[in-house]
PDB file of N, CA and C in Angstrom:
ATOM      1  N   PRO A   1       5.527 -20.514  12.623  1.00  0.00           N
ATOM      2  CA  PRO A   1       4.983 -19.641  11.771  1.00  0.00           C
ATOM      3  C   PRO A   1       3.716 -19.391  11.700  1.00  0.00           C
ATOM      4  N   ARG A   2       3.289 -18.096  11.359  1.00  0.00           N
ATOM      5  CA  ARG A   2       1.569 -17.747  11.699  1.00  0.00           C
ATOM      6  C   ARG A   2       1.626 -17.523   9.981  1.00  0.00           C
ATOM      7  N   GLU A   3       0.568 -18.003   9.505  1.00  0.00           N
ATOM      8  CA  GLU A   3       0.486 -17.694   8.141  1.00  0.00           C
ATOM      9  C   GLU A   3      -0.636 -16.492   8.042  1.00  0.00           C
ATOM     10  N   THR A   4      -0.080 -15.624   7.014  1.00  0.00           N
ATOM     11  CA  THR A   4      -0.953 -14.386   7.420  1.00  0.00           C
ATOM     12  C   THR A   4      -1.435 -14.160   5.839  1.00  0.00           C
ATOM     13  N   ARG A   5      -2.926 -13.728   5.613  1.00  0.00           N
ATOM     14  CA  ARG A   5      -3.247 -13.554   4.373  1.00  0.00           C
ATOM     15  C   ARG A   5      -3.801 -12.202   4.293  1.00  0.00           C
ATOM     16  N   VAL A   6      -3.442 -11.985   2.957  1.00  0.00           N
ATOM     17  CA  VAL A   6      -3.921 -10.385   2.277  1.00  0.00           C
ATOM     18  C   VAL A   6      -4.779 -10.488   1.225  1.00  0.00           C
ATOM     19  N   GLU A   7      -6.061  -9.787   1.347  1.00  0.00           N
ATOM     20  CA  GLU A   7      -6.754  -9.860   0.197  1.00  0.00           C
ATOM     21  C   GLU A   7      -6.650  -8.590  -0.329  1.00  0.00           C
ATOM     22  N   ARG A   8      -6.690  -8.377  -1.557  1.00  0.00           N
ATOM     23  CA  ARG A   8      -6.393  -7.234  -2.349  1.00  0.00           C
ATOM     24  C   ARG A   8      -7.576  -6.673  -2.893  1.00  0.00           C
ATOM     25  N   VAL A   9      -8.266  -5.384  -2.983  1.00  0.00           N
ATOM     26  CA  VAL A   9      -9.485  -5.110  -3.068  1.00  0.00           C
ATOM     27  C   VAL A   9      -9.129  -3.911  -4.201  1.00  0.00           C
ATOM     28  N   VAL A  10      -9.724  -3.968  -5.544  1.00  0.00           N
ATOM     29  CA  VAL A  10      -9.007  -3.092  -6.543  1.00  0.00           C
ATOM     30  C   VAL A  10     -10.576  -2.641  -7.266  1.00  0.00           C
ATOM     31  N   HIS A  11     -10.337  -1.464  -7.225  1.00  0.00           N
ATOM     32  CA  HIS A  11     -11.519  -0.666  -7.533  1.00  0.00           C
ATOM     33  C   HIS A  11     -10.975  -0.140  -9.218  1.00  0.00           C
ATOM     34  N   PRO A  12     -11.822  -0.563 -10.206  1.00  0.00           N
ATOM     35  CA  PRO A  12     -11.041  -0.002 -11.678  1.00  0.00           C
ATOM     36  C   PRO A  12     -11.546   1.576 -11.820  1.00  0.00           C
ATOM     37  N   ALA A  13     -10.477   2.478 -12.277  1.00  0.00           N
ATOM     38  CA  ALA A  13     -10.284   3.484 -12.497  1.00  0.00           C
ATOM     39  C   ALA A  13      -9.775   3.977 -13.667  1.00  0.00           C
ATOM     40  N   MET A  14     -10.838   5.206 -14.464  1.00  0.00           N
ATOM     41  CA  MET A  14     -10.262   5.410 -15.821  1.00  0.00           C
ATOM     42  C   MET A  14      -9.812   6.931 -15.430  1.00  0.00           C
ATOM     43  N   PRO A  15      -8.644   7.237 -16.475  1.00  0.00           N
ATOM     44  CA  PRO A  15      -8.139   8.763 -16.368  1.00  0.00           C
ATOM     45  C   PRO A  15      -9.428   9.741 -16.184  1.00  0.00           C
ATOM     46  N   GLU A  16     -10.626   9.665 -17.004  1.00  0.00           N
ATOM     47  CA  GLU A  16     -11.292  10.660 -16.673  1.00  0.00           C
ATOM     48  C   GLU A  16     -12.137  10.782 -15.430  1.00  0.00           C
ATOM     49  N   ASP A  17     -11.773   9.789 -14.854  1.00  0.00           N
ATOM     50  CA  ASP A  17     -12.480   9.716 -13.388  1.00  0.00           C
ATOM     51  C   ASP A  17     -11.637  10.567 -12.432  1.00  0.00           C
ATOM     52  N   ILE A  18     -10.639  10.995 -12.760  1.00  0.00           N
ATOM     53  CA  ILE A  18      -9.631  11.662 -11.681  1.00  0.00           C
ATOM     54  C   ILE A  18      -9.992  13.241 -12.278  1.00  0.00           C
ATOM     55  N   PRO A  19      -9.972  14.241 -11.287  1.00  0.00           N
ATOM     56  CA  PRO A  19     -10.043  15.421 -11.699  1.00  0.00           C
ATOM     57  C   PRO A  19      -8.703  15.734 -12.071  1.00  0.00           C
ATOM     58  N   GLU A  20      -8.584  16.494 -13.387  1.00  0.00           N
ATOM     59  CA  GLU A  20      -7.284  17.169 -14.252  1.00  0.00           C
ATOM     60  C   GLU A  20      -6.223  17.637 -12.903  1.00  0.00           C
ATOM     61  N   PRO A  21      -6.311  18.429 -12.239  1.00  0.00           N
ATOM     62  CA  PRO A  21      -4.942  18.961 -11.452  1.00  0.00           C
ATOM     63  C   PRO A  21      -4.159  17.838 -10.835  1.00  0.00           C
ATOM     64  N   ALA A  22      -5.155  16.592 -10.484  1.00  0.00           N
ATOM     65  CA  ALA A  22      -4.810  15.273  -9.624  1.00  0.00           C
ATOM     66  C   ALA A  22      -3.804  14.322 -10.430  1.00  0.00           C
ATOM     67  N   GLN A  23      -4.085  14.540 -11.978  1.00  0.00           N
ATOM     68  CA  GLN A  23      -3.880  13.423 -12.568  1.00  0.00           C
ATOM     69  C   GLN A  23      -2.520  13.504 -12.613  1.00  0.00           C
ATOM     70  N   GLU A  24      -1.619  14.354 -12.531  1.00  0.00           N
ATOM     71  CA  GLU A  24      -0.086  14.418 -12.654  1.00  0.00           C
ATOM     72  C   GLU A  24       0.303  14.261 -11.263  1.00  0.00           C
ATOM     73  N   GLY A  25       1.161  13.193 -11.324  1.00  0.00           N
ATOM     74  CA  GLY A  25       1.677  12.540 -10.076  1.00  0.00           C
ATOM     75  C   GLY A  25       0.641  11.858  -9.455  1.00  0.00           C
ATOM     76  N   ALA A  26      -0.168  11.176  -9.804  1.00  0.00           N
ATOM     77  CA  ALA A  26      -0.920  10.722  -8.927  1.00  0.00           C
ATOM     78  C   ALA A  26      -0.497   9.306  -8.779  1.00  0.00           C
ATOM     79  N   VAL A  27       0.118   8.700 -10.053  1.00  0.00           N
ATOM     80  CA  VAL A  27       0.575   7.375  -9.722  1.00  0.00           C
ATOM     81  C   VAL A  27       2.087   7.324  -8.592  1.00  0.00           C
ATOM     82  N   GLU A  28       2.809   8.386  -8.798  1.00  0.00           N
ATOM     83  CA  GLU A  28       3.960   8.388  -8.031  1.00  0.00           C
ATOM     84  C   GLU A  28       3.091   8.358  -6.277  1.00  0.00           C
ATOM     85  N   VAL A  29       2.626   9.254  -6.223  1.00  0.00           N
ATOM     86  CA  VAL A  29       1.901   9.244  -4.723  1.00  0.00           C
ATOM     87  C   VAL A  29       1.291   7.857  -4.231  1.00  0.00           C
ATOM     88  N   THR A  30       0.390   7.189  -5.155  1.00  0.00           N
ATOM     89  CA  THR A  30       0.120   6.165  -4.671  1.00  0.00           C
ATOM     90  C   THR A  30       1.004   5.329  -4.410  1.00  0.00           C
ATOM     91  N   TYR A  31       2.316   4.842  -5.181  1.00  0.00           N
ATOM     92  CA  TYR A  31       3.300   4.265  -4.786  1.00  0.00           C
ATOM     93  C   TYR A  31       3.949   4.427  -3.839  1.00  0.00           C
ATOM     94  N   GLU A  32       4.568   5.822  -3.383  1.00  0.00           N
ATOM     95  CA  GLU A  32       4.977   6.260  -2.128  1.00  0.00           C
ATOM     96  C   GLU A  32       3.928   5.951  -0.902  1.00  0.00           C
ATOM     97  N   THR A  33       2.783   6.077  -1.158  1.00  0.00           N
ATOM     98  CA  THR A  33       1.611   5.815   0.183  1.00  0.00           C
ATOM     99  C   THR A  33       1.551   4.157   0.179  1.00  0.00           C
ATOM    100  N   LEU A  34       1.343   3.692  -0.872  1.00  0.00           N
ATOM    101  CA  LEU A  34       1.671   1.934  -0.544  1.00  0.00           C
ATOM    102  C   LEU A  34       3.066   1.450   0.072  1.00  0.00           C
ATOM    103  N   GLY A  35       3.828   2.084  -0.353  1.00  0.00           N
ATOM    104  CA  GLY A  35       5.433   1.568   0.248  1.00  0.00           C
ATOM    105  C   GLY A  35       5.441   1.817   1.872  1.00  0.00           C
ATOM    106  N   ASP A  36       4.849   3.303   1.801  1.00  0.00           N
ATOM    107  CA  ASP A  36       4.885   3.590   3.508  1.00  0.00           C
ATOM    108  C   ASP A  36       4.205   2.509   4.287  1.00  0.00           C
ATOM    109  N   LEU A  37       2.903   2.394   3.786  1.00  0.00           N
ATOM    110  CA  LEU A  37       1.989   1.414   4.211  1.00  0.00           C
ATOM    111  C   LEU A  37       2.298  -0.026   4.520  1.00  0.00           C
ATOM    112  N   VAL A  38       3.040  -0.335   3.377  1.00  0.00           N
ATOM    113  CA  VAL A  38       3.828  -1.840   3.498  1.00  0.00           C
ATOM    114  C   VAL A  38       4.952  -1.984   4.458  1.00  0.00           C
ATOM    115  N   GLN A  39       5.860  -0.760   4.644  1.00  0.00           N
ATOM    116  CA  GLN A  39       6.852  -0.692   5.444  1.00  0.00           C
ATOM    117  C   GLN A  39       6.289  -0.556   7.215  1.00  0.00           C
ATOM    118  N   ARG A  40       4.922  -0.012   7.317  1.00  0.00           N
ATOM    119  CA  ARG A  40       4.600  -0.184   8.733  1.00  0.00           C
ATOM    120  C   ARG A  40       3.609  -1.420   9.251  1.00  0.00           C
ATOM    121  N   LEU A  41       3.363  -2.204   7.903  1.00  0.00           N
ATOM    122  CA  LEU A  41       2.744  -3.371   8.131  1.00  0.00           C
ATOM    123  C   LEU A  41       3.634  -4.578   8.497  1.00  0.00           C
ATOM    124  N   GLU A  42       5.233  -4.483   7.703  1.00  0.00           N
ATOM    125  CA  GLU A  42       6.439  -5.114   8.341  1.00  0.00           C
ATOM    126  C   GLU A  42       6.837  -4.730   9.748  1.00  0.00           C
ATOM    127  N   ALA A  43       6.835  -3.743   9.931  1.00  0.00           N
ATOM    128  CA  ALA A  43       7.492  -3.436  11.065  1.00  0.00           C
ATOM    129  C   ALA A  43       6.336  -4.006  12.021  1.00  0.00           C
ATOM    130  N   CYS A  44       5.112  -3.562  11.829  1.00  0.00           N
ATOM    131  CA  CYS A  44       4.429  -4.335  12.894  1.00  0.00           C
ATOM    132  C   CYS A  44       4.309  -5.997  12.985  1.00  0.00           C
ATOM    133  N   VAL A  45       4.102  -6.270  11.928  1.00  0.00           N
ATOM    134  CA  VAL A  45       4.414  -7.918  12.394  1.00  0.00           C
ATOM    135  C   VAL A  45       6.012  -8.304  12.560  1.00  0.00           C
ATOM    136  N   ARG A  46       6.609  -7.681  12.447  1.00  0.00           N
ATOM    137  CA  ARG A  46       7.883  -8.246  12.980  1.00  0.00           C
ATOM    138  C   ARG A  46       8.027  -7.963  14.733  1.00  0.00           C
ATOM    139  N   LYS A  47       7.172  -6.735  14.751  1.00  0.00           N
ATOM    140  CA  LYS A  47       7.017  -6.431  16.520  1.00  0.00           C
ATOM    141  C   LYS A  47       6.110  -7.592  17.081  1.00  0.00           C
ATOM    142  N   HIS A  48       5.074  -7.863  16.692  1.00  0.00           N
ATOM    143  CA  HIS A  48       4.192  -8.559  17.466  1.00  0.00           C
ATOM    144  C   HIS A  48       4.853 -10.102  16.953  1.00  0.00           C
ATOM    145  N   MET A  49       5.453 -10.790  16.329  1.00  0.00           N
ATOM    146  CA  MET A  49       6.000 -11.957  15.861  1.00  0.00           C
ATOM    147  C   MET A  49       7.152 -12.138  16.350  1.00  0.00           C
ATOM    148  N   GLY A  50       7.984 -11.039  16.887  1.00  0.00           N
ATOM    149  CA  GLY A  50       9.420 -11.366  17.640  1.00  0.00           C
ATOM    150  C   GLY A  50      10.612 -11.590  16.457  1.00  0.00           C
ATOM    151  N   TYR A  51      10.261 -11.205  15.281  1.00  0.00           N
ATOM    152  CA  TYR A  51      11.284 -11.249  14.034  1.00  0.00           C
ATOM    153  C   TYR A  51      11.951  -9.997  13.977  1.00  0.00           C
ATOM    154  N   HIS A  52      13.177 -10.402  14.142  1.00  0.00           N
ATOM    155  CA  HIS A  52      14.275  -9.461  13.625  1.00  0.00           C
ATOM    156  C   HIS A  52      15.339  -9.803  13.341  1.00  0.00           C
ATOM    157  N   PRO A  53      15.556  -9.632  11.757  1.00  0.00           N
ATOM    158  CA  PRO A  53      16.367 -10.111  10.799  1.00  0.00           C
ATOM    159  C   PRO A  53      17.633  -9.563  10.848  1.00  0.00           C
TER     160      PRO A  53
END
């Protein structure tokens, strides 16, 4: 088994930091993007480590 370390970088933001038209639905888009990135990362890890559930 290989140990994988993931560091999380968080930048605080306030609603007033986001332009008005982008506020609506911004959270959903962020979660969709993160979900896609997680799936791609998992696929890459499986490919390179030879893990197939």
